[in-house]
N, C-alpha and C. Protein backbone atom coordinates (compact mmCIF):
# COMPACT_ATOMS: atom_id res chain seq x y z
N MET A 1 11.21 54.60 -57.46
CA MET A 1 11.76 53.26 -57.52
C MET A 1 13.00 53.17 -56.62
N LYS A 2 13.09 52.10 -55.88
CA LYS A 2 14.19 51.91 -54.95
C LYS A 2 15.48 51.55 -55.70
N LYS A 3 16.58 52.12 -55.25
CA LYS A 3 17.87 51.79 -55.86
C LYS A 3 18.21 50.32 -55.58
N ILE A 4 18.70 49.62 -56.59
CA ILE A 4 19.04 48.21 -56.42
C ILE A 4 20.26 48.05 -55.52
N MET A 5 21.27 48.88 -55.74
CA MET A 5 22.50 48.74 -54.98
C MET A 5 22.60 49.86 -53.94
N ASN A 6 22.52 49.49 -52.68
CA ASN A 6 22.66 50.47 -51.62
C ASN A 6 23.76 50.02 -50.66
N GLU A 7 24.12 50.85 -49.75
CA GLU A 7 25.23 50.55 -48.83
C GLU A 7 24.98 49.27 -48.03
N GLN A 8 23.76 49.07 -47.57
CA GLN A 8 23.46 47.87 -46.78
C GLN A 8 23.70 46.60 -47.61
N LEU A 9 23.23 46.59 -48.85
CA LEU A 9 23.43 45.45 -49.73
C LEU A 9 24.91 45.21 -49.99
N ILE A 10 25.65 46.27 -50.23
CA ILE A 10 27.09 46.15 -50.48
C ILE A 10 27.76 45.49 -49.29
N TYR A 11 27.45 45.95 -48.09
CA TYR A 11 28.09 45.37 -46.91
C TYR A 11 27.60 43.97 -46.59
N GLU A 12 26.38 43.62 -46.97
CA GLU A 12 25.91 42.23 -46.82
C GLU A 12 26.76 41.32 -47.69
N ILE A 13 26.98 41.71 -48.93
CA ILE A 13 27.78 40.92 -49.86
C ILE A 13 29.21 40.81 -49.35
N LEU A 14 29.79 41.93 -48.98
CA LEU A 14 31.19 41.92 -48.53
C LEU A 14 31.37 41.16 -47.22
N SER A 15 30.35 41.14 -46.38
CA SER A 15 30.42 40.38 -45.14
C SER A 15 30.49 38.88 -45.42
N VAL A 16 29.74 38.43 -46.42
CA VAL A 16 29.80 37.02 -46.79
C VAL A 16 31.17 36.69 -47.38
N VAL A 17 31.67 37.55 -48.25
CA VAL A 17 32.98 37.33 -48.87
C VAL A 17 34.06 37.22 -47.79
N GLU A 18 33.94 38.03 -46.77
CA GLU A 18 34.90 38.04 -45.68
C GLU A 18 34.92 36.70 -44.93
N GLU A 19 33.83 35.95 -44.99
CA GLU A 19 33.72 34.67 -44.29
C GLU A 19 34.31 33.48 -45.06
N ILE A 20 34.59 33.66 -46.34
CA ILE A 20 35.12 32.54 -47.14
C ILE A 20 36.49 32.17 -46.57
N PRO A 21 36.65 30.91 -46.15
CA PRO A 21 37.92 30.51 -45.55
C PRO A 21 39.08 30.48 -46.55
N GLU A 22 40.26 30.69 -46.06
CA GLU A 22 41.46 30.59 -46.88
C GLU A 22 41.51 29.19 -47.48
N GLY A 23 41.87 29.11 -48.75
CA GLY A 23 41.96 27.82 -49.43
C GLY A 23 40.65 27.32 -50.01
N LYS A 24 39.59 28.12 -49.89
CA LYS A 24 38.29 27.77 -50.45
C LYS A 24 37.82 28.88 -51.37
N VAL A 25 36.88 28.55 -52.25
CA VAL A 25 36.28 29.55 -53.14
C VAL A 25 34.77 29.45 -53.05
N ALA A 26 34.11 30.55 -53.35
CA ALA A 26 32.65 30.60 -53.43
C ALA A 26 32.29 31.14 -54.81
N THR A 27 31.05 30.91 -55.20
CA THR A 27 30.59 31.43 -56.49
C THR A 27 29.75 32.69 -56.26
N TYR A 28 29.59 33.46 -57.31
CA TYR A 28 28.74 34.66 -57.24
C TYR A 28 27.32 34.26 -56.85
N GLY A 29 26.82 33.18 -57.44
CA GLY A 29 25.47 32.71 -57.14
C GLY A 29 25.33 32.24 -55.71
N GLN A 30 26.33 31.59 -55.21
CA GLN A 30 26.33 31.12 -53.83
C GLN A 30 26.22 32.31 -52.87
N ILE A 31 26.97 33.35 -53.13
CA ILE A 31 26.92 34.55 -52.28
C ILE A 31 25.54 35.20 -52.39
N ALA A 32 25.00 35.29 -53.60
CA ALA A 32 23.67 35.86 -53.79
C ALA A 32 22.64 35.08 -52.98
N SER A 33 22.72 33.77 -53.00
CA SER A 33 21.78 32.94 -52.23
C SER A 33 21.92 33.17 -50.73
N LEU A 34 23.14 33.30 -50.28
CA LEU A 34 23.38 33.49 -48.84
C LEU A 34 22.81 34.80 -48.31
N ILE A 35 22.65 35.79 -49.18
CA ILE A 35 22.06 37.06 -48.72
C ILE A 35 20.58 37.15 -49.10
N GLY A 36 20.02 36.03 -49.58
CA GLY A 36 18.59 36.01 -49.90
C GLY A 36 18.21 36.61 -51.23
N ARG A 37 19.17 36.67 -52.16
CA ARG A 37 18.91 37.24 -53.49
C ARG A 37 19.38 36.24 -54.56
N ASP A 38 18.71 35.11 -54.61
CA ASP A 38 19.11 34.01 -55.48
C ASP A 38 19.40 34.38 -56.93
N LYS A 39 18.70 35.32 -57.46
CA LYS A 39 18.81 35.67 -58.89
C LYS A 39 19.79 36.81 -59.16
N ASN A 40 20.58 37.20 -58.18
CA ASN A 40 21.41 38.39 -58.34
C ASN A 40 22.91 38.13 -58.34
N ALA A 41 23.35 37.06 -58.98
CA ALA A 41 24.77 36.75 -59.06
C ALA A 41 25.55 37.86 -59.76
N ARG A 42 24.98 38.45 -60.79
CA ARG A 42 25.67 39.54 -61.50
C ARG A 42 25.82 40.77 -60.63
N LEU A 43 24.85 41.02 -59.78
CA LEU A 43 24.94 42.14 -58.85
C LEU A 43 26.10 41.92 -57.88
N VAL A 44 26.27 40.68 -57.45
CA VAL A 44 27.40 40.35 -56.57
C VAL A 44 28.71 40.67 -57.29
N GLY A 45 28.81 40.27 -58.55
CA GLY A 45 30.01 40.58 -59.34
C GLY A 45 30.26 42.07 -59.45
N LYS A 46 29.21 42.83 -59.65
CA LYS A 46 29.33 44.29 -59.76
C LYS A 46 29.86 44.88 -58.45
N VAL A 47 29.32 44.43 -57.33
CA VAL A 47 29.79 44.92 -56.02
C VAL A 47 31.25 44.55 -55.82
N LEU A 48 31.62 43.33 -56.14
CA LEU A 48 33.01 42.91 -55.93
C LEU A 48 33.98 43.67 -56.81
N SER A 49 33.53 44.09 -57.97
CA SER A 49 34.41 44.86 -58.85
C SER A 49 34.73 46.23 -58.26
N GLN A 50 33.94 46.66 -57.29
CA GLN A 50 34.14 47.96 -56.64
C GLN A 50 34.52 47.82 -55.16
N ALA A 51 34.82 46.62 -54.73
CA ALA A 51 35.07 46.36 -53.31
C ALA A 51 36.24 47.14 -52.73
N GLU A 52 37.21 47.47 -53.56
CA GLU A 52 38.39 48.21 -53.08
C GLU A 52 38.01 49.54 -52.45
N PHE A 53 36.86 50.07 -52.79
CA PHE A 53 36.42 51.36 -52.24
C PHE A 53 35.84 51.21 -50.82
N TYR A 54 35.66 49.97 -50.38
CA TYR A 54 35.03 49.72 -49.07
C TYR A 54 35.98 49.05 -48.08
N GLY A 55 37.17 48.75 -48.49
CA GLY A 55 38.13 48.10 -47.59
C GLY A 55 38.80 46.93 -48.27
N ARG A 56 39.43 46.10 -47.46
CA ARG A 56 40.15 44.94 -47.99
C ARG A 56 39.34 43.67 -47.74
N TYR A 57 38.97 43.02 -48.82
CA TYR A 57 38.17 41.80 -48.75
C TYR A 57 38.82 40.75 -49.66
N PRO A 58 38.67 39.47 -49.31
CA PRO A 58 39.28 38.42 -50.13
C PRO A 58 38.46 38.08 -51.37
N CYS A 59 38.26 39.08 -52.22
CA CYS A 59 37.45 38.91 -53.43
C CYS A 59 38.06 37.89 -54.39
N HIS A 60 39.35 37.63 -54.25
CA HIS A 60 39.99 36.65 -55.13
C HIS A 60 39.42 35.25 -54.90
N ARG A 61 38.70 35.03 -53.82
CA ARG A 61 38.12 33.73 -53.50
C ARG A 61 36.74 33.53 -54.13
N VAL A 62 36.35 34.42 -55.01
CA VAL A 62 35.04 34.31 -55.66
C VAL A 62 35.24 34.07 -57.16
N VAL A 63 34.58 33.03 -57.66
CA VAL A 63 34.69 32.62 -59.07
C VAL A 63 33.29 32.38 -59.62
N ASN A 64 33.19 32.13 -60.92
CA ASN A 64 31.86 31.84 -61.45
C ASN A 64 31.48 30.39 -61.14
N HIS A 65 30.28 30.00 -61.52
CA HIS A 65 29.75 28.67 -61.16
C HIS A 65 30.61 27.51 -61.68
N ALA A 66 31.34 27.73 -62.75
CA ALA A 66 32.20 26.69 -63.32
C ALA A 66 33.62 26.75 -62.77
N GLY A 67 33.88 27.69 -61.87
CA GLY A 67 35.21 27.83 -61.30
C GLY A 67 36.13 28.74 -62.09
N ARG A 68 35.59 29.41 -63.10
CA ARG A 68 36.42 30.28 -63.95
C ARG A 68 36.86 31.53 -63.19
N LEU A 69 38.11 31.87 -63.39
CA LEU A 69 38.67 33.07 -62.79
C LEU A 69 38.15 34.32 -63.50
N VAL A 70 38.33 35.46 -62.87
CA VAL A 70 37.92 36.73 -63.47
C VAL A 70 38.84 37.02 -64.66
N PRO A 71 38.28 37.20 -65.86
CA PRO A 71 39.11 37.50 -67.02
C PRO A 71 39.90 38.80 -66.82
N GLY A 72 41.17 38.75 -67.12
CA GLY A 72 42.01 39.94 -67.05
C GLY A 72 42.59 40.23 -65.67
N TRP A 73 42.23 39.45 -64.66
CA TRP A 73 42.77 39.68 -63.32
C TRP A 73 43.84 38.61 -63.05
N GLN A 74 45.05 38.89 -63.51
CA GLN A 74 46.15 37.93 -63.44
C GLN A 74 46.50 37.51 -62.02
N GLU A 75 46.38 38.44 -61.09
CA GLU A 75 46.78 38.19 -59.71
C GLU A 75 45.88 37.16 -59.00
N GLN A 76 44.66 37.00 -59.45
CA GLN A 76 43.72 36.10 -58.78
C GLN A 76 44.27 34.67 -58.70
N ARG A 77 44.78 34.15 -59.80
CA ARG A 77 45.31 32.79 -59.82
C ARG A 77 46.47 32.66 -58.83
N PHE A 78 47.38 33.61 -58.83
CA PHE A 78 48.52 33.60 -57.93
C PHE A 78 48.07 33.58 -56.47
N LEU A 79 47.11 34.44 -56.13
CA LEU A 79 46.62 34.51 -54.75
C LEU A 79 45.98 33.19 -54.31
N LEU A 80 45.22 32.57 -55.20
CA LEU A 80 44.58 31.30 -54.87
C LEU A 80 45.62 30.18 -54.75
N LEU A 81 46.59 30.16 -55.62
CA LEU A 81 47.65 29.15 -55.52
C LEU A 81 48.40 29.28 -54.20
N GLU A 82 48.65 30.50 -53.77
CA GLU A 82 49.32 30.73 -52.49
C GLU A 82 48.54 30.13 -51.33
N GLU A 83 47.22 30.06 -51.46
CA GLU A 83 46.36 29.52 -50.41
C GLU A 83 46.16 28.02 -50.54
N GLY A 84 46.75 27.42 -51.57
CA GLY A 84 46.63 25.97 -51.73
C GLY A 84 45.44 25.52 -52.56
N VAL A 85 44.79 26.44 -53.25
CA VAL A 85 43.65 26.09 -54.10
C VAL A 85 44.17 25.36 -55.34
N SER A 86 43.52 24.25 -55.70
CA SER A 86 43.95 23.49 -56.88
C SER A 86 43.10 23.87 -58.09
N PHE A 87 43.69 23.67 -59.26
CA PHE A 87 43.05 24.07 -60.52
C PHE A 87 42.87 22.87 -61.44
N LYS A 88 41.80 22.92 -62.26
CA LYS A 88 41.58 21.91 -63.30
C LYS A 88 42.42 22.25 -64.52
N ASP A 89 42.52 23.54 -64.80
CA ASP A 89 43.34 24.02 -65.91
C ASP A 89 43.79 25.44 -65.57
N GLU A 90 44.34 26.13 -66.52
CA GLU A 90 44.92 27.46 -66.28
C GLU A 90 43.92 28.48 -65.72
N ASN A 91 42.66 28.36 -66.10
CA ASN A 91 41.67 29.38 -65.73
C ASN A 91 40.50 28.89 -64.89
N HIS A 92 40.53 27.63 -64.45
CA HIS A 92 39.40 27.08 -63.70
C HIS A 92 39.85 26.39 -62.42
N VAL A 93 39.24 26.83 -61.32
CA VAL A 93 39.47 26.20 -60.02
C VAL A 93 38.78 24.83 -60.03
N ASP A 94 39.36 23.87 -59.35
CA ASP A 94 38.73 22.56 -59.17
C ASP A 94 37.65 22.72 -58.10
N MET A 95 36.43 22.90 -58.53
CA MET A 95 35.33 23.19 -57.61
C MET A 95 35.01 22.02 -56.69
N LYS A 96 35.22 20.79 -57.16
CA LYS A 96 34.94 19.63 -56.30
C LYS A 96 35.84 19.62 -55.07
N LYS A 97 37.03 20.08 -55.21
CA LYS A 97 38.00 20.08 -54.10
C LYS A 97 38.01 21.36 -53.29
N ASN A 98 37.62 22.48 -53.90
CA ASN A 98 37.85 23.77 -53.26
C ASN A 98 36.62 24.61 -52.96
N LYS A 99 35.44 24.16 -53.33
CA LYS A 99 34.24 24.97 -53.10
C LYS A 99 33.93 25.05 -51.60
N TRP A 100 33.62 26.24 -51.17
CA TRP A 100 33.24 26.48 -49.77
C TRP A 100 31.86 25.90 -49.53
N GLU A 101 31.78 24.97 -48.62
CA GLU A 101 30.51 24.37 -48.25
C GLU A 101 30.01 25.06 -46.99
N CYS A 102 29.17 26.04 -47.17
CA CYS A 102 28.68 26.81 -46.02
C CYS A 102 27.25 26.47 -45.69
């Protein structure tokens, strides 16, 4: 059986993340669709949780479909605010204003 997560897949995901413009956010599902794996949003999350081992990527620009920030990652909100991203509340990005339309 073929391994689900391989180096090529990891770099495909991270390459898309690298393209997210400053001041915009993308969703896990959006990234999965862009690499041709519509049903693999959780796999995208898994890769991003380990992205530090592959270099520096703007993973803070990735949120869930509702705009929710990563639980327990306090720095994410600060980084997004620095880029001018607006929020609906303490833990949710305003997706209507800030979603990356790619």
